[in-house]
C-alpha atoms as a PDB file:
ATOM      1  CA  MET A   1      -9.158 -12.013  -9.671  1.00  0.00           C
ATOM      2  CA  ARG A   2     -11.714 -10.029  -7.693  1.00  0.00           C
ATOM      3  CA  ALA A   3     -10.002  -7.428  -5.520  1.00  0.00           C
ATOM      4  CA  ALA A   4     -11.738  -5.685  -2.618  1.00  0.00           C
ATOM      5  CA  LEU A   5     -10.300  -2.323  -1.556  1.00  0.00           C
ATOM      6  CA  PHE A   6     -11.204  -0.835   1.830  1.00  0.00           C
ATOM      7  CA  GLN A   7     -10.809   2.934   1.599  1.00  0.00           C
ATOM      8  CA  MET A   8     -10.529   3.983   5.241  1.00  0.00           C
ATOM      9  CA  THR A   9     -10.590   7.057   7.445  1.00  0.00           C
ATOM     10  CA  SER A  10      -8.382   5.508  10.111  1.00  0.00           C
ATOM     11  CA  GLY A  11      -8.245   7.212  13.485  1.00  0.00           C
ATOM     12  CA  ILE A  12      -6.486   7.103  16.827  1.00  0.00           C
ATOM     13  CA  ASP A  13      -8.436   4.170  18.288  1.00  0.00           C
ATOM     14  CA  PRO A  14      -6.774   0.908  17.186  1.00  0.00           C
ATOM     15  CA  ALA A  15      -9.717  -1.169  18.417  1.00  0.00           C
ATOM     16  CA  ALA A  16     -12.149   0.774  16.229  1.00  0.00           C
ATOM     17  CA  ASN A  17      -9.848   0.509  13.224  1.00  0.00           C
ATOM     18  CA  ALA A  18      -9.434  -3.233  13.784  1.00  0.00           C
ATOM     19  CA  ALA A  19     -13.197  -3.744  14.063  1.00  0.00           C
ATOM     20  CA  ALA A  20     -13.738  -1.889  10.801  1.00  0.00           C
ATOM     21  CA  ILE A  21     -11.179  -4.016   8.969  1.00  0.00           C
ATOM     22  CA  VAL A  22     -12.572  -7.253  10.408  1.00  0.00           C
ATOM     23  CA  GLU A  23     -16.063  -6.267   9.269  1.00  0.00           C
ATOM     24  CA  MET A  24     -14.738  -5.614   5.764  1.00  0.00           C
ATOM     25  CA  VAL A  25     -12.919  -8.965   5.673  1.00  0.00           C
ATOM     26  CA  HIS A  26     -16.236 -10.748   6.061  1.00  0.00           C
ATOM     27  CA  ARG A  27     -18.069  -8.358   3.752  1.00  0.00           C
ATOM     28  CA  ALA A  28     -15.425  -8.784   1.060  1.00  0.00           C
ATOM     29  CA  LYS A  29     -15.693 -12.555   1.352  1.00  0.00           C
ATOM     30  CA  GLY A  30     -19.448 -12.283   0.964  1.00  0.00           C
ATOM     31  CA  GLU A  31     -18.932 -10.202  -2.186  1.00  0.00           C
ATOM     32  CA  GLY A  32     -16.834 -12.965  -3.721  1.00  0.00           C
ATOM     33  CA  ALA A  33     -13.496 -11.198  -3.335  1.00  0.00           C
ATOM     34  CA  ASP A  34     -10.237 -13.127  -3.497  1.00  0.00           C
ATOM     35  CA  MET A  35      -8.282 -10.618  -1.422  1.00  0.00           C
ATOM     36  CA  LEU A  36      -8.937  -7.523   0.690  1.00  0.00           C
ATOM     37  CA  PHE A  37      -6.534  -4.576   0.468  1.00  0.00           C
ATOM     38  CA  THR A  38      -6.273  -1.823   3.103  1.00  0.00           C
ATOM     39  CA  PRO A  39      -4.409   1.508   3.050  1.00  0.00           C
ATOM     40  CA  GLU A  40      -1.245   2.722   4.695  1.00  0.00           C
ATOM     41  CA  MET A  41      -1.605   3.253   8.465  1.00  0.00           C
ATOM     42  CA  ALA A  42      -4.751   1.132   8.460  1.00  0.00           C
ATOM     43  CA  GLY A  43      -4.534   0.251  12.140  1.00  0.00           C
ATOM     44  CA  TYR A  44      -3.577   3.615  13.592  1.00  0.00           C
ATOM     45  CA  LEU A  45      -3.118   7.062  12.070  1.00  0.00           C
ATOM     46  CA  ASP A  46      -1.933   9.839  14.389  1.00  0.00           C
ATOM     47  CA  ARG A  47       0.544  12.674  13.925  1.00  0.00           C
ATOM     48  CA  ASP A  48       0.664  13.298  17.686  1.00  0.00           C
ATOM     49  CA  ARG A  49       3.903  11.449  18.417  1.00  0.00           C
ATOM     50  CA  LYS A  50       3.551  11.514  22.195  1.00  0.00           C
ATOM     51  CA  ARG A  51       0.096   9.971  22.024  1.00  0.00           C
ATOM     52  CA  ALA A  52       1.244   7.447  19.440  1.00  0.00           C
ATOM     53  CA  ALA A  53       4.179   6.460  21.630  1.00  0.00           C
ATOM     54  CA  GLN A  54       1.719   5.385  24.319  1.00  0.00           C
ATOM     55  CA  THR A  55      -0.327   3.338  21.845  1.00  0.00           C
ATOM     56  CA  LEU A  56       2.033   1.589  19.443  1.00  0.00           C
ATOM     57  CA  ARG A  57       3.092  -1.996  20.059  1.00  0.00           C
ATOM     58  CA  SER A  58       5.520  -4.455  18.514  1.00  0.00           C
ATOM     59  CA  GLU A  59       4.326  -6.736  15.729  1.00  0.00           C
ATOM     60  CA  ALA A  60       3.988  -9.622  18.185  1.00  0.00           C
ATOM     61  CA  GLU A  61       1.807  -7.514  20.505  1.00  0.00           C
ATOM     62  CA  ASP A  62      -0.221  -5.531  17.958  1.00  0.00           C
ATOM     63  CA  ALA A  63      -3.948  -6.097  18.529  1.00  0.00           C
ATOM     64  CA  VAL A  64      -4.953  -4.908  15.046  1.00  0.00           C
ATOM     65  CA  LEU A  65      -2.693  -7.442  13.369  1.00  0.00           C
ATOM     66  CA  ALA A  66      -3.935 -10.219  15.638  1.00  0.00           C
ATOM     67  CA  ALA A  67      -7.583  -9.385  14.921  1.00  0.00           C
ATOM     68  CA  VAL A  68      -7.069  -9.247  11.157  1.00  0.00           C
ATOM     69  CA  ARG A  69      -5.114 -12.506  11.093  1.00  0.00           C
ATOM     70  CA  ASP A  70      -7.949 -14.189  12.983  1.00  0.00           C
ATOM     71  CA  ALA A  71     -10.582 -12.718  10.646  1.00  0.00           C
ATOM     72  CA  ALA A  72      -8.612 -13.768   7.545  1.00  0.00           C
ATOM     73  CA  ALA A  73      -8.434 -17.345   8.832  1.00  0.00           C
ATOM     74  CA  ARG A  74     -12.128 -17.417   9.754  1.00  0.00           C
ATOM     75  CA  ALA A  75     -13.172 -16.046   6.370  1.00  0.00           C
ATOM     76  CA  GLY A  76     -10.587 -17.963   4.348  1.00  0.00           C
ATOM     77  CA  LEU A  77      -9.525 -14.704   2.670  1.00  0.00           C
ATOM     78  CA  TRP A  78      -6.141 -13.227   1.812  1.00  0.00           C
ATOM     79  CA  VAL A  79      -5.643  -9.744   3.320  1.00  0.00           C
ATOM     80  CA  HIS A  80      -3.018  -7.154   2.509  1.00  0.00           C
ATOM     81  CA  LEU A  81      -2.614  -4.796   5.464  1.00  0.00           C
ATOM     82  CA  GLY A  82      -1.309  -1.756   3.611  1.00  0.00           C
ATOM     83  CA  SER A  83       0.713  -0.786   6.645  1.00  0.00           C
ATOM     84  CA  LEU A  84       0.757  -0.659  10.412  1.00  0.00           C
ATOM     85  CA  PRO A  85       2.959   1.615  12.545  1.00  0.00           C
ATOM     86  CA  LEU A  86       4.907  -0.728  14.795  1.00  0.00           C
ATOM     87  CA  ARG A  87       7.563  -0.541  17.439  1.00  0.00           C
ATOM     88  CA  ASP A  88      10.724  -2.108  16.065  1.00  0.00           C
ATOM     89  CA  GLU A  89      14.081  -3.378  17.274  1.00  0.00           C
ATOM     90  CA  ARG A  90      16.014  -0.475  15.765  1.00  0.00           C
ATOM     91  CA  ALA A  91      18.966   0.790  17.750  1.00  0.00           C
ATOM     92  CA  ASP A  92      17.925   4.418  17.184  1.00  0.00           C
ATOM     93  CA  GLY A  93      14.438   3.826  18.615  1.00  0.00           C
ATOM     94  CA  ARG A  94      12.554   4.730  15.448  1.00  0.00           C
ATOM     95  CA  TRP A  95       9.405   2.790  14.510  1.00  0.00           C
ATOM     96  CA  ALA A  96       8.565   0.747  11.417  1.00  0.00           C
ATOM     97  CA  ASN A  97       5.934   1.565   8.803  1.00  0.00           C
ATOM     98  CA  ARG A  98       5.263  -2.061   7.850  1.00  0.00           C
ATOM     99  CA  SER A  99       3.128  -3.695   5.188  1.00  0.00           C
ATOM    100  CA  LEU A 100       1.964  -7.264   5.884  1.00  0.00           C
ATOM    101  CA  MET A 101       0.589  -9.911   3.564  1.00  0.00           C
ATOM    102  CA  ILE A 102      -1.724 -12.383   5.325  1.00  0.00           C
ATOM    103  CA  ASP A 103      -2.897 -15.567   3.645  1.00  0.00           C
ATOM    104  CA  ALA A 104      -6.230 -17.365   3.934  1.00  0.00           C
ATOM    105  CA  ASN A 105      -4.954 -19.364   6.918  1.00  0.00           C
ATOM    106  CA  GLY A 106      -4.126 -16.176   8.811  1.00  0.00           C
ATOM    107  CA  ASP A 107      -0.378 -16.678   8.376  1.00  0.00           C
ATOM    108  CA  ILE A 108       1.960 -13.785   7.568  1.00  0.00           C
ATOM    109  CA  ARG A 109       3.465 -14.479   4.165  1.00  0.00           C
ATOM    110  CA  ALA A 110       5.534 -11.301   3.735  1.00  0.00           C
ATOM    111  CA  ARG A 111       6.629  -8.121   5.503  1.00  0.00           C
ATOM    112  CA  TYR A 112       7.828  -4.907   3.884  1.00  0.00           C
ATOM    113  CA  ASP A 113       9.096  -1.808   5.687  1.00  0.00           C
ATOM    114  CA  LYS A 114       8.654   1.442   3.745  1.00  0.00           C
ATOM    115  CA  ILE A 115      11.949   2.391   2.093  1.00  0.00           C
ATOM    116  CA  HIS A 116      11.349   5.997   0.987  1.00  0.00           C
ATOM    117  CA  LEU A 117      10.313   8.377   3.767  1.00  0.00           C
ATOM    118  CA  PHE A 118       8.314  11.562   3.196  1.00  0.00           C
ATOM    119  CA  ASP A 119      10.072  14.682   4.521  1.00  0.00           C
ATOM    120  CA  VAL A 120       8.593  17.908   3.138  1.00  0.00           C
ATOM    121  CA  ASP A 121       7.314  21.414   3.861  1.00  0.00           C
ATOM    122  CA  LEU A 122       4.218  22.224   1.783  1.00  0.00           C
ATOM    123  CA  ALA A 123       2.985  25.614   0.612  1.00  0.00           C
ATOM    124  CA  SER A 124      -0.225  24.912   2.527  1.00  0.00           C
ATOM    125  CA  GLY A 125       1.756  25.145   5.763  1.00  0.00           C
ATOM    126  CA  GLU A 126       1.749  21.399   6.375  1.00  0.00           C
ATOM    127  CA  SER A 127       5.110  19.935   7.380  1.00  0.00           C
ATOM    128  CA  TRP A 128       5.911  16.220   7.446  1.00  0.00           C
ATOM    129  CA  ARG A 129       9.067  14.588   8.820  1.00  0.00           C
ATOM    130  CA  GLU A 130       8.458  10.870   8.474  1.00  0.00           C
ATOM    131  CA  SER A 131      12.134  10.058   9.005  1.00  0.00           C
ATOM    132  CA  ALA A 132      12.031  11.629  12.474  1.00  0.00           C
ATOM    133  CA  VAL A 133       9.713   8.834  13.601  1.00  0.00           C
ATOM    134  CA  TYR A 134      10.202   5.904  11.224  1.00  0.00           C
ATOM    135  CA  GLY A 135      13.355   4.127  10.147  1.00  0.00           C
ATOM    136  CA  PRO A 136      13.617   3.250   6.443  1.00  0.00           C
ATOM    137  CA  GLY A 137      13.285  -0.314   5.242  1.00  0.00           C
ATOM    138  CA  GLU A 138      16.241  -1.928   3.537  1.00  0.00           C
ATOM    139  CA  GLN A 139      14.687  -4.856   1.652  1.00  0.00           C
ATOM    140  CA  VAL A 140      12.741  -4.951  -1.626  1.00  0.00           C
ATOM    141  CA  VAL A 141       9.957  -7.507  -1.126  1.00  0.00           C
ATOM    142  CA  ALA A 142       7.738  -9.522  -3.466  1.00  0.00           C
ATOM    143  CA  VAL A 143       5.389 -12.325  -2.438  1.00  0.00           C
ATOM    144  CA  ASP A 144       3.845 -15.210  -4.348  1.00  0.00           C
ATOM    145  CA  THR A 145       0.057 -15.475  -4.198  1.00  0.00           C
ATOM    146  CA  PRO A 146      -2.473 -17.631  -6.075  1.00  0.00           C
ATOM    147  CA  TRP A 147      -2.961 -14.672  -8.473  1.00  0.00           C
ATOM    148  CA  GLY A 148       0.670 -13.964  -9.249  1.00  0.00           C
ATOM    149  CA  ARG A 149       3.745 -12.439  -7.677  1.00  0.00           C
ATOM    150  CA  MET A 150       2.925  -9.153  -5.929  1.00  0.00           C
ATOM    151  CA  GLY A 151       5.476  -6.401  -5.370  1.00  0.00           C
ATOM    152  CA  LEU A 152       5.143  -4.402  -2.153  1.00  0.00           C
ATOM    153  CA  SER A 153       5.546  -0.648  -1.757  1.00  0.00           C
ATOM    154  CA  ILE A 154       4.002   2.074   0.403  1.00  0.00           C
ATOM    155  CA  CYS A 155       2.797   5.573  -0.550  1.00  0.00           C
ATOM    156  CA  TYR A 156       5.834   7.819  -1.191  1.00  0.00           C
ATOM    157  CA  ASP A 157       7.651   4.849  -2.747  1.00  0.00           C
ATOM    158  CA  MET A 158       5.555   5.384  -5.884  1.00  0.00           C
ATOM    159  CA  ARG A 159       7.733   8.361  -6.824  1.00  0.00           C
ATOM    160  CA  PHE A 160      10.791   6.146  -7.223  1.00  0.00           C
ATOM    161  CA  PRO A 161      10.603   3.929 -10.332  1.00  0.00           C
ATOM    162  CA  ASP A 162      13.822   2.076  -9.491  1.00  0.00           C
ATOM    163  CA  LEU A 163      11.916   0.208  -6.784  1.00  0.00           C
ATOM    164  CA  TYR A 164       9.360  -1.046  -9.301  1.00  0.00           C
ATOM    165  CA  ARG A 165      12.119  -1.992 -11.735  1.00  0.00           C
ATOM    166  CA  ALA A 166      13.594  -4.192  -9.012  1.00  0.00           C
ATOM    167  CA  LEU A 167      10.179  -5.723  -8.357  1.00  0.00           C
ATOM    168  CA  THR A 168       9.466  -6.463 -12.022  1.00  0.00           C
ATOM    169  CA  ASP A 169      13.001  -7.833 -12.459  1.00  0.00           C
ATOM    170  CA  ALA A 170      12.017 -10.234  -9.660  1.00  0.00           C
ATOM    171  CA  GLY A 171       8.909 -11.311 -11.586  1.00  0.00           C
ATOM    172  CA  ALA A 172       6.171  -9.155 -10.013  1.00  0.00           C
ATOM    173  CA  THR A 173       3.027  -8.808 -12.115  1.00  0.00           C
ATOM    174  CA  ILE A 174       0.850  -6.974  -9.563  1.00  0.00           C
ATOM    175  CA  LEU A 175       2.152  -3.912  -7.689  1.00  0.00           C
ATOM    176  CA  LEU A 176       0.681  -2.704  -4.401  1.00  0.00           C
ATOM    177  CA  ALA A 177       0.917   0.926  -3.251  1.00  0.00           C
ATOM    178  CA  PRO A 178      -1.232   1.557  -0.145  1.00  0.00           C
ATOM    179  CA  ALA A 179      -1.161   5.212   0.802  1.00  0.00           C
ATOM    180  CA  ALA A 180      -2.212   8.139   2.959  1.00  0.00           C
ATOM    181  CA  PHE A 181      -1.705  10.935   0.421  1.00  0.00           C
ATOM    182  CA  THR A 182      -2.233  14.583   1.290  1.00  0.00           C
ATOM    183  CA  VAL A 183      -4.895  16.405  -0.718  1.00  0.00           C
ATOM    184  CA  PRO A 184      -2.573  18.855  -2.561  1.00  0.00           C
ATOM    185  CA  THR A 185      -0.143  16.171  -3.705  1.00  0.00           C
ATOM    186  CA  GLY A 186      -2.996  13.795  -4.420  1.00  0.00           C
ATOM    187  CA  GLN A 187      -4.721  16.272  -6.706  1.00  0.00           C
ATOM    188  CA  ALA A 188      -1.480  16.939  -8.546  1.00  0.00           C
ATOM    189  CA  HIS A 189       0.205  13.560  -8.803  1.00  0.00           C
ATOM    190  CA  TRP A 190      -1.786  10.559  -7.541  1.00  0.00           C
ATOM    191  CA  HIS A 191      -3.432   9.405 -10.755  1.00  0.00           C
ATOM    192  CA  VAL A 192      -0.575  10.218 -13.101  1.00  0.00           C
ATOM    193  CA  LEU A 193       2.085   8.514 -10.962  1.00  0.00           C
ATOM    194  CA  LEU A 194       0.103   5.329 -10.453  1.00  0.00           C
ATOM    195  CA  ARG A 195      -0.871   5.068 -14.107  1.00  0.00           C
ATOM    196  CA  ALA A 196       2.758   5.668 -15.120  1.00  0.00           C
ATOM    197  CA  ARG A 197       4.048   2.977 -12.764  1.00  0.00           C
ATOM    198  CA  ALA A 198       1.494   0.475 -14.107  1.00  0.00           C
ATOM    199  CA  ILE A 199       2.279   1.295 -17.736  1.00  0.00           C
ATOM    200  CA  GLU A 200       6.065   1.247 -17.490  1.00  0.00           C
ATOM    201  CA  ALA A 201       6.036  -1.989 -15.475  1.00  0.00           C
ATOM    202  CA  GLY A 202       3.360  -3.724 -17.548  1.00  0.00           C
ATOM    203  CA  CYS A 203       1.655  -4.567 -14.259  1.00  0.00           C
ATOM    204  CA  VAL A 204      -1.651  -4.237 -12.473  1.00  0.00           C
ATOM    205  CA  MET A 205      -1.398  -1.504  -9.819  1.00  0.00           C
ATOM    206  CA  ILE A 206      -3.574  -1.695  -6.699  1.00  0.00           C
ATOM    207  CA  ALA A 207      -3.395   1.447  -4.568  1.00  0.00           C
ATOM    208  CA  THR A 208      -5.681   1.551  -1.539  1.00  0.00           C
ATOM    209  CA  ALA A 209      -5.900   4.952   0.139  1.00  0.00           C
ATOM    210  CA  GLN A 210      -6.909   6.788   3.269  1.00  0.00           C
ATOM    211  CA  ALA A 211      -9.694   9.326   2.683  1.00  0.00           C
ATOM    212  CA  GLY A 212     -11.338  12.215   4.495  1.00  0.00           C
ATOM    213  CA  THR A 213     -10.774  14.105   7.744  1.00  0.00           C
ATOM    214  CA  HIS A 214      -9.066  12.085  10.455  1.00  0.00           C
ATOM    215  CA  ALA A 215      -9.191  12.288  14.236  1.00  0.00           C
ATOM    216  CA  ASP A 216      -5.698  13.810  14.363  1.00  0.00           C
ATOM    217  CA  GLY A 217      -6.804  16.670  12.096  1.00  0.00           C
ATOM    218  CA  ARG A 218      -5.177  15.657   8.840  1.00  0.00           C
ATOM    219  CA  VAL A 219      -7.103  15.332   5.576  1.00  0.00           C
ATOM    220  CA  THR A 220      -6.250  12.633   3.033  1.00  0.00           C
ATOM    221  CA  TYR A 221      -7.012  12.422  -0.663  1.00  0.00           C
ATOM    222  CA  GLY A 222      -8.704   9.051  -1.155  1.00  0.00           C
ATOM    223  CA  HIS A 223      -9.244   7.860  -4.738  1.00  0.00           C
ATOM    224  CA  SER A 224      -8.188   4.255  -4.193  1.00  0.00           C
ATOM    225  CA  LEU A 225      -7.307   2.947  -7.647  1.00  0.00           C
ATOM    226  CA  VAL A 226      -6.922  -0.248  -9.586  1.00  0.00           C
ATOM    227  CA  VAL A 227      -5.008   0.359 -12.816  1.00  0.00           C
ATOM    228  CA  ASP A 228      -4.479  -2.217 -15.541  1.00  0.00           C
ATOM    229  CA  PRO A 229      -1.164  -2.604 -17.447  1.00  0.00           C
ATOM    230  CA  TRP A 230      -2.403  -0.396 -20.292  1.00  0.00           C
ATOM    231  CA  GLY A 231      -3.059   2.431 -17.840  1.00  0.00           C
ATOM    232  CA  ASP A 232      -6.833   2.075 -17.835  1.00  0.00           C
ATOM    233  CA  LEU A 233      -8.638   2.663 -14.533  1.00  0.00           C
ATOM    234  CA  LEU A 234     -10.609  -0.362 -13.376  1.00  0.00           C
ATOM    235  CA  LEU A 235     -11.637   1.364 -10.136  1.00  0.00           C
ATOM    236  CA  ASP A 236     -11.526   4.892  -8.702  1.00  0.00           C
ATOM    237  CA  MET A 237     -13.259   5.153  -5.323  1.00  0.00           C
ATOM    238  CA  GLY A 238     -13.434   8.944  -5.099  1.00  0.00           C
ATOM    239  CA  ASP A 239     -13.161  10.643  -1.714  1.00  0.00           C
ATOM    240  CA  ALA A 240     -15.543   8.629   0.509  1.00  0.00           C
ATOM    241  CA  ALA A 241     -14.623   5.752   2.795  1.00  0.00           C
ATOM    242  CA  GLY A 242     -16.035   2.333   1.955  1.00  0.00           C
ATOM    243  CA  LEU A 243     -15.500  -0.923   0.087  1.00  0.00           C
ATOM    244  CA  GLY A 244     -14.771  -1.049  -3.630  1.00  0.00           C
ATOM    245  CA  LEU A 245     -14.571  -4.102  -5.891  1.00  0.00           C
ATOM    246  CA  ALA A 246     -12.601  -4.604  -9.087  1.00  0.00           C
ATOM    247  CA  ASP A 247     -12.571  -7.646 -11.346  1.00  0.00           C
ATOM    248  CA  ILE A 248      -9.071  -7.946 -12.808  1.00  0.00           C
ATOM    249  CA  ASP A 249      -8.356  -9.891 -15.999  1.00  0.00           C
ATOM    250  CA  LEU A 250      -4.848 -11.160 -15.271  1.00  0.00           C
ATOM    251  CA  SER A 251      -4.393 -12.297 -18.880  1.00  0.00           C
ATOM    252  CA  ARG A 252      -4.145  -8.591 -19.786  1.00  0.00           C
ATOM    253  CA  ILE A 253      -0.672  -8.506 -18.260  1.00  0.00           C
ATOM    254  CA  GLY A 254       0.786 -10.897 -20.825  1.00  0.00           C
ATOM    255  CA  ASP A 255      -1.189  -9.291 -23.653  1.00  0.00           C
ATOM    256  CA  VAL A 256       0.065  -5.784 -22.854  1.00  0.00           C
ATOM    257  CA  ARG A 257       3.647  -6.918 -22.340  1.00  0.00           C
ATOM    258  CA  ALA A 258       3.536  -8.585 -25.766  1.00  0.00           C
ATOM    259  CA  ARG A 259       2.197  -5.399 -27.406  1.00  0.00           C
ATOM    260  CA  VAL A 260       4.732  -3.126 -25.709  1.00  0.00           C
ATOM    261  CA  PRO A 261       7.740  -5.273 -24.686  1.00  0.00           C
ATOM    262  CA  ALA A 262       9.351  -2.553 -22.588  1.00  0.00           C
ATOM    263  CA  LEU A 263      10.539  -4.962 -19.897  1.00  0.00           C
ATOM    264  CA  ALA A 264      12.309  -7.120 -22.464  1.00  0.00           C
ATOM    265  CA  ASN A 265      13.777  -4.096 -24.243  1.00  0.00           C
ATOM    266  CA  ARG A 266      15.040  -2.066 -21.290  1.00  0.00           C
ATOM    267  CA  ARG A 267      18.747  -1.748 -20.622  1.00  0.00           C
ATOM    268  CA  ILE A 268      20.797  -1.238 -17.496  1.00  0.00           C
ATOM    269  CA  MET A 269      21.859   2.398 -17.509  1.00  0.00           C
ATOM    270  CA  PRO A 270      25.497   3.227 -16.734  1.00  0.00           C
ATOM    271  CA  ARG A 271      25.908   5.384 -13.633  1.00  0.00           C
ATOM    272  CA  ASP A 272      28.599   7.503 -15.278  1.00  0.00           C
ATOM    273  CA  VAL A 273      26.972  10.200 -17.430  1.00  0.00           C
ATOM    274  CA  THR A 274      28.846  11.786 -20.308  1.00  0.00           C
ATOM    275  CA  ILE A 275      28.488  15.566 -20.111  1.00  0.00           C
ATOM    276  CA  SER A 276      29.508  17.465 -23.239  1.00  0.00           C
END
């Protein structure tokens, strides 16, 4: 499988973000890619909630999604939109941070709403309250593709291995973790977490990231990665926006799982802990 990763510096203009993704759909196809992967918040990234409230649309009305679906169909290329911020039907009025898998006909094959939401105060002075804006997803989602069953996650999810256990129990062999990581947490944890998730799951991990300084003032870490089941890096895109390509030997998944049969050997842990 040849994977194309579009490391973006998404901004506050959905039309510009959509045009950039559409261009990369056709470029990826020209490079012989089987699928294009984009980061979290690919279509719109803005921490100004009032401005975002005037811009965001429902899935049915989202112009970025419509443009990418059309481009995927024209190019005959699968596209994973890492996530889009979308208005949802939630009773509390919160939005959805939604990942969408689009096939080569432009049809939506799967949707996943981010389960784990990032609420934190950092020593740098940055404060994030994702749950104030977005409602958490409630469904674990995997999708069948011509290259295997892919398990969907978004950014902060990567810190919670139970999600990936559920995905591998469901037969996932490729895990997706699009992200918009901050620089301090990226420097500390990005590589080690993604390599750990790939190793413990015996899966390929594809993590497409936002990178650079964005129009809303935030700075993201970049370093989009493709990690094989042994933990080896097949791609690390550094901190610049652009297109990266990785050729993935899918037979490695079975080989590694045979060498280290952790999935076959793992047990269900009792919730009651004996404390002596």
